[in-house]
Amino acid sequence: MAFLRVRLSFPPSQITEPVIYNIGKQYDVVTNIRRANVTADTGWVVLEITGEADELERAVDHLRNISVEVEPVEGDVVQ
């Protein structure tokens, strides 16, 4: 199993879409939201994703293809 911690920044077109749910259903990954701030027109989420390395890569590629910005996060994000 591989592990990835990322910060997702959502464009306005994706704010109302179930993006995190969808990657959990479409790819064999487990998602865990660690922090988030979402408003009516913008949002970001710190997300932990666990699964096989190739599935993580496919999930991240999907996010980028739908215009979600994906950045790696280091360290503990829960305060």
C-alpha atoms as a PDB file:
ATOM      1  CA  MET A   1       0.000   0.000   0.000  1.00  0.00           C
ATOM      2  CA  ALA A   2       1.112   3.513  -0.813  1.00  0.00           C
ATOM      3  CA  PHE A   3       0.167   6.752   0.922  1.00  0.00           C
ATOM      4  CA  LEU A   4      -0.167  10.276  -0.420  1.00  0.00           C
ATOM      5  CA  ARG A   5      -1.054  13.541   1.327  1.00  0.00           C
ATOM      6  CA  VAL A   6      -2.105  16.348  -1.005  1.00  0.00           C
ATOM      7  CA  ARG A   7      -3.782  19.732  -0.997  1.00  0.00           C
ATOM      8  CA  LEU A   8      -6.539  19.993  -3.574  1.00  0.00           C
ATOM      9  CA  SER A   9      -7.633  23.415  -4.823  1.00  0.00           C
ATOM     10  CA  PHE A  10     -10.965  23.380  -6.598  1.00  0.00           C
ATOM     11  CA  PRO A  11     -12.030  25.665  -9.443  1.00  0.00           C
ATOM     12  CA  PRO A  12     -15.549  27.132  -9.228  1.00  0.00           C
ATOM     13  CA  SER A  13     -16.837  24.557 -11.734  1.00  0.00           C
ATOM     14  CA  GLN A  14     -15.965  21.689  -9.364  1.00  0.00           C
ATOM     15  CA  ILE A  15     -17.165  23.129  -6.024  1.00  0.00           C
ATOM     16  CA  THR A  16     -20.559  21.415  -6.118  1.00  0.00           C
ATOM     17  CA  GLU A  17     -19.279  18.130  -7.583  1.00  0.00           C
ATOM     18  CA  PRO A  18     -18.593  15.071  -5.360  1.00  0.00           C
ATOM     19  CA  VAL A  19     -14.951  14.935  -6.508  1.00  0.00           C
ATOM     20  CA  ILE A  20     -13.486  13.116  -3.479  1.00  0.00           C
ATOM     21  CA  TYR A  21     -16.330  10.604  -3.360  1.00  0.00           C
ATOM     22  CA  ASN A  22     -15.890   9.947  -7.071  1.00  0.00           C
ATOM     23  CA  ILE A  23     -12.179   9.119  -6.866  1.00  0.00           C
ATOM     24  CA  GLY A  24     -12.949   6.702  -4.031  1.00  0.00           C
ATOM     25  CA  LYS A  25     -15.543   4.962  -6.215  1.00  0.00           C
ATOM     26  CA  GLN A  26     -13.711   5.086  -9.557  1.00  0.00           C
ATOM     27  CA  TYR A  27     -10.281   4.050  -8.268  1.00  0.00           C
ATOM     28  CA  ASP A  28      -9.289   1.536  -5.628  1.00  0.00           C
ATOM     29  CA  VAL A  29      -8.238   4.181  -3.076  1.00  0.00           C
ATOM     30  CA  VAL A  30      -9.305   5.212   0.419  1.00  0.00           C
ATOM     31  CA  THR A  31      -9.671   8.947   1.045  1.00  0.00           C
ATOM     32  CA  ASN A  32      -9.436  10.777   4.360  1.00  0.00           C
ATOM     33  CA  ILE A  33     -10.149  14.512   4.597  1.00  0.00           C
ATOM     34  CA  ARG A  34      -7.769  16.108   7.116  1.00  0.00           C
ATOM     35  CA  ARG A  35      -8.640  19.808   6.670  1.00  0.00           C
ATOM     36  CA  ALA A  36     -10.888  21.762   4.382  1.00  0.00           C
ATOM     37  CA  ASN A  37     -12.242  25.195   3.583  1.00  0.00           C
ATOM     38  CA  VAL A  38     -15.010  25.365   1.021  1.00  0.00           C
ATOM     39  CA  THR A  39     -17.212  28.327   0.112  1.00  0.00           C
ATOM     40  CA  ALA A  40     -19.805  28.841  -2.597  1.00  0.00           C
ATOM     41  CA  ASP A  41     -17.186  29.632  -5.259  1.00  0.00           C
ATOM     42  CA  THR A  42     -13.806  28.304  -4.105  1.00  0.00           C
ATOM     43  CA  GLY A  43     -12.343  25.593  -1.943  1.00  0.00           C
ATOM     44  CA  TRP A  44      -9.351  23.587  -0.813  1.00  0.00           C
ATOM     45  CA  VAL A  45      -8.983  20.239   0.948  1.00  0.00           C
ATOM     46  CA  VAL A  46      -5.998  18.496   2.522  1.00  0.00           C
ATOM     47  CA  LEU A  47      -6.577  14.875   1.615  1.00  0.00           C
ATOM     48  CA  GLU A  48      -4.817  11.638   2.499  1.00  0.00           C
ATOM     49  CA  ILE A  49      -5.130   8.933  -0.140  1.00  0.00           C
ATOM     50  CA  THR A  50      -4.153   5.309   0.459  1.00  0.00           C
ATOM     51  CA  GLY A  51      -3.984   2.513  -2.106  1.00  0.00           C
ATOM     52  CA  GLU A  52      -1.739   0.816  -4.611  1.00  0.00           C
ATOM     53  CA  ALA A  53       0.752   3.216  -6.234  1.00  0.00           C
ATOM     54  CA  ASP A  54      -0.735   2.854  -9.719  1.00  0.00           C
ATOM     55  CA  GLU A  55      -4.252   3.592  -8.413  1.00  0.00           C
ATOM     56  CA  LEU A  56      -2.979   6.692  -6.571  1.00  0.00           C
ATOM     57  CA  GLU A  57      -1.387   7.896  -9.792  1.00  0.00           C
ATOM     58  CA  ARG A  58      -4.587   7.289 -11.758  1.00  0.00           C
ATOM     59  CA  ALA A  59      -6.678   9.146  -9.145  1.00  0.00           C
ATOM     60  CA  VAL A  60      -4.310  12.157  -9.149  1.00  0.00           C
ATOM     61  CA  ASP A  61      -4.248  12.205 -12.958  1.00  0.00           C
ATOM     62  CA  HIS A  62      -8.054  12.245 -12.945  1.00  0.00           C
ATOM     63  CA  LEU A  63      -8.111  15.183 -10.520  1.00  0.00           C
ATOM     64  CA  ARG A  64      -5.732  17.168 -12.694  1.00  0.00           C
ATOM     65  CA  ASN A  65      -7.772  16.314 -15.816  1.00  0.00           C
ATOM     66  CA  ILE A  66     -10.861  17.918 -14.242  1.00  0.00           C
ATOM     67  CA  SER A  67      -8.877  21.092 -13.376  1.00  0.00           C
ATOM     68  CA  VAL A  68      -8.326  20.364  -9.678  1.00  0.00           C
ATOM     69  CA  GLU A  69      -4.901  21.621  -8.591  1.00  0.00           C
ATOM     70  CA  VAL A  70      -2.949  18.924  -6.718  1.00  0.00           C
ATOM     71  CA  GLU A  71       0.027  19.832  -4.504  1.00  0.00           C
ATOM     72  CA  PRO A  72       1.959  17.535  -2.138  1.00  0.00           C
ATOM     73  CA  VAL A  73       1.715  18.285   1.606  1.00  0.00           C
ATOM     74  CA  GLU A  74       4.373  17.466   4.204  1.00  0.00           C
ATOM     75  CA  GLY A  75       3.980  16.975   7.960  1.00  0.00           C
ATOM     76  CA  ASP A  76       0.962  16.704  10.244  1.00  0.00           C
ATOM     77  CA  VAL A  77      -2.014  18.776   9.147  1.00  0.00           C
ATOM     78  CA  VAL A  78      -4.340  18.321  12.137  1.00  0.00           C
ATOM     79  CA  GLN A  79      -4.018  20.956  14.842  1.00  0.00           C
END
